[in-house]
Amino acid sequence: AYVSIVWMTITTVAEILADRNVKLFIHPSHNVPGDTTAHERLDAALTEYKRRVAGV
């Protein structure tokens, strides 16, 4: 039950942010065979994190 509540909270927050036109970053698994964009997506996500949260 706990995991269900956590996922419900995450999806509700994502819906609220999407309604406010906040760009949501979706990180598909890097373990997908043939994925050639994993490192680029991770680098972009870290750059955005630094911009938003760390103030770098």
N, C-alpha and C. Protein backbone atom coordinates (compact mmCIF):
# COMPACT_ATOMS: atom_id res chain seq x y z
N ALA A 1 0.83 -1.19 0.00
CA ALA A 1 0.00 0.00 0.00
C ALA A 1 0.87 1.26 0.00
N TYR A 2 1.98 1.20 0.71
CA TYR A 2 2.86 2.37 0.79
C TYR A 2 3.37 2.78 -0.59
N VAL A 3 3.80 1.81 -1.36
CA VAL A 3 4.33 2.11 -2.69
C VAL A 3 3.26 2.74 -3.56
N SER A 4 2.04 2.25 -3.45
CA SER A 4 0.93 2.83 -4.22
C SER A 4 0.71 4.29 -3.85
N ILE A 5 0.78 4.60 -2.57
CA ILE A 5 0.59 5.98 -2.12
C ILE A 5 1.71 6.87 -2.65
N VAL A 6 2.93 6.36 -2.62
CA VAL A 6 4.06 7.14 -3.14
C VAL A 6 3.88 7.43 -4.62
N TRP A 7 3.52 6.43 -5.41
CA TRP A 7 3.33 6.64 -6.85
C TRP A 7 2.16 7.56 -7.13
N MET A 8 1.10 7.47 -6.34
CA MET A 8 -0.03 8.38 -6.51
C MET A 8 0.40 9.82 -6.24
N THR A 9 1.23 10.01 -5.23
CA THR A 9 1.72 11.35 -4.91
C THR A 9 2.60 11.88 -6.03
N ILE A 10 3.49 11.05 -6.53
CA ILE A 10 4.38 11.46 -7.62
C ILE A 10 3.59 11.85 -8.86
N THR A 11 2.61 11.04 -9.23
CA THR A 11 1.83 11.34 -10.44
C THR A 11 0.96 12.57 -10.24
N THR A 12 0.45 12.77 -9.05
CA THR A 12 -0.36 13.97 -8.78
C THR A 12 0.49 15.23 -8.89
N VAL A 13 1.67 15.20 -8.32
CA VAL A 13 2.58 16.35 -8.42
C VAL A 13 2.96 16.59 -9.88
N ALA A 14 3.23 15.53 -10.62
CA ALA A 14 3.57 15.68 -12.04
C ALA A 14 2.42 16.32 -12.81
N GLU A 15 1.20 15.92 -12.52
CA GLU A 15 0.03 16.51 -13.18
C GLU A 15 -0.09 17.99 -12.86
N ILE A 16 0.11 18.34 -11.60
CA ILE A 16 0.02 19.75 -11.19
C ILE A 16 1.09 20.57 -11.90
N LEU A 17 2.31 20.06 -11.94
CA LEU A 17 3.40 20.78 -12.61
C LEU A 17 3.13 20.91 -14.11
N ALA A 18 2.64 19.85 -14.72
CA ALA A 18 2.33 19.90 -16.16
C ALA A 18 1.24 20.93 -16.43
N ASP A 19 0.25 21.01 -15.55
CA ASP A 19 -0.81 22.01 -15.71
C ASP A 19 -0.26 23.43 -15.62
N ARG A 20 0.85 23.60 -14.92
CA ARG A 20 1.49 24.91 -14.77
C ARG A 20 2.55 25.15 -15.84
N ASN A 21 2.57 24.29 -16.85
CA ASN A 21 3.51 24.39 -17.97
C ASN A 21 4.97 24.26 -17.56
N VAL A 22 5.22 23.49 -16.51
CA VAL A 22 6.59 23.19 -16.11
C VAL A 22 7.07 22.02 -16.96
N LYS A 23 8.24 22.17 -17.56
CA LYS A 23 8.77 21.10 -18.39
C LYS A 23 9.21 19.94 -17.50
N LEU A 24 8.63 18.79 -17.72
CA LEU A 24 8.96 17.61 -16.93
C LEU A 24 9.98 16.77 -17.69
N PHE A 25 11.02 16.37 -17.00
CA PHE A 25 12.03 15.53 -17.60
C PHE A 25 11.70 14.08 -17.32
N ILE A 26 11.60 13.30 -18.37
CA ILE A 26 11.31 11.88 -18.24
C ILE A 26 12.59 11.13 -18.59
N HIS A 27 13.01 10.28 -17.68
CA HIS A 27 14.25 9.55 -17.85
C HIS A 27 13.96 8.08 -18.10
N PRO A 28 13.91 7.67 -19.37
CA PRO A 28 13.74 6.24 -19.62
C PRO A 28 14.98 5.48 -19.18
N SER A 29 14.83 4.22 -19.01
CA SER A 29 15.94 3.38 -18.55
C SER A 29 17.12 3.47 -19.50
N HIS A 30 18.31 3.54 -18.93
CA HIS A 30 19.53 3.54 -19.74
C HIS A 30 19.90 2.11 -20.13
N ASN A 31 19.13 1.15 -19.68
CA ASN A 31 19.44 -0.25 -19.96
C ASN A 31 18.76 -0.78 -21.21
N VAL A 32 18.15 0.09 -21.99
CA VAL A 32 17.48 -0.33 -23.21
C VAL A 32 18.55 -0.66 -24.25
N PRO A 33 18.50 -1.86 -24.82
CA PRO A 33 19.49 -2.22 -25.83
C PRO A 33 19.46 -1.25 -27.01
N GLY A 34 20.62 -0.83 -27.44
CA GLY A 34 20.72 0.06 -28.59
C GLY A 34 20.52 1.53 -28.27
N ASP A 35 20.32 1.87 -27.01
CA ASP A 35 20.11 3.27 -26.65
C ASP A 35 21.42 4.03 -26.82
N THR A 36 21.41 5.03 -27.68
CA THR A 36 22.62 5.81 -27.93
C THR A 36 22.53 7.21 -27.34
N THR A 37 21.43 7.53 -26.68
CA THR A 37 21.24 8.88 -26.17
C THR A 37 21.29 8.97 -24.65
N ALA A 38 21.60 7.87 -23.98
CA ALA A 38 21.54 7.84 -22.52
C ALA A 38 22.46 8.90 -21.89
N HIS A 39 23.69 8.97 -22.34
CA HIS A 39 24.63 9.91 -21.74
C HIS A 39 24.22 11.36 -22.00
N GLU A 40 23.74 11.63 -23.20
CA GLU A 40 23.30 12.99 -23.52
C GLU A 40 22.11 13.40 -22.65
N ARG A 41 21.15 12.48 -22.47
CA ARG A 41 19.98 12.78 -21.65
C ARG A 41 20.37 12.99 -20.20
N LEU A 42 21.29 12.18 -19.71
CA LEU A 42 21.74 12.32 -18.32
C LEU A 42 22.47 13.64 -18.13
N ASP A 43 23.34 13.99 -19.06
CA ASP A 43 24.06 15.26 -18.97
C ASP A 43 23.09 16.45 -19.00
N ALA A 44 22.08 16.38 -19.87
CA ALA A 44 21.09 17.46 -19.95
C ALA A 44 20.29 17.56 -18.66
N ALA A 45 19.94 16.43 -18.08
CA ALA A 45 19.18 16.44 -16.83
C ALA A 45 20.02 17.02 -15.69
N LEU A 46 21.29 16.65 -15.62
CA LEU A 46 22.16 17.19 -14.57
C LEU A 46 22.38 18.69 -14.74
N THR A 47 22.52 19.14 -15.97
CA THR A 47 22.67 20.57 -16.23
C THR A 47 21.43 21.33 -15.78
N GLU A 48 20.26 20.79 -16.10
CA GLU A 48 19.01 21.43 -15.70
C GLU A 48 18.85 21.42 -14.18
N TYR A 49 19.23 20.33 -13.54
CA TYR A 49 19.18 20.25 -12.08
C TYR A 49 20.05 21.34 -11.46
N LYS A 50 21.25 21.46 -11.97
CA LYS A 50 22.16 22.49 -11.45
C LYS A 50 21.57 23.88 -11.63
N ARG A 51 20.95 24.11 -12.78
CA ARG A 51 20.36 25.42 -13.05
C ARG A 51 19.22 25.71 -12.09
N ARG A 52 18.35 24.72 -11.87
CA ARG A 52 17.16 24.93 -11.05
C ARG A 52 17.43 24.90 -9.56
N VAL A 53 18.19 23.92 -9.12
CA VAL A 53 18.31 23.65 -7.69
C VAL A 53 19.61 24.16 -7.10
N ALA A 54 20.68 23.83 -7.74
CA ALA A 54 21.99 24.13 -7.17
C ALA A 54 22.43 25.57 -7.42
N GLY A 55 21.76 26.26 -8.34
CA GLY A 55 22.11 27.64 -8.62
C GLY A 55 23.44 27.81 -9.31
N VAL A 56 23.88 26.78 -10.02
CA VAL A 56 25.17 26.83 -10.71
C VAL A 56 24.97 27.41 -12.10
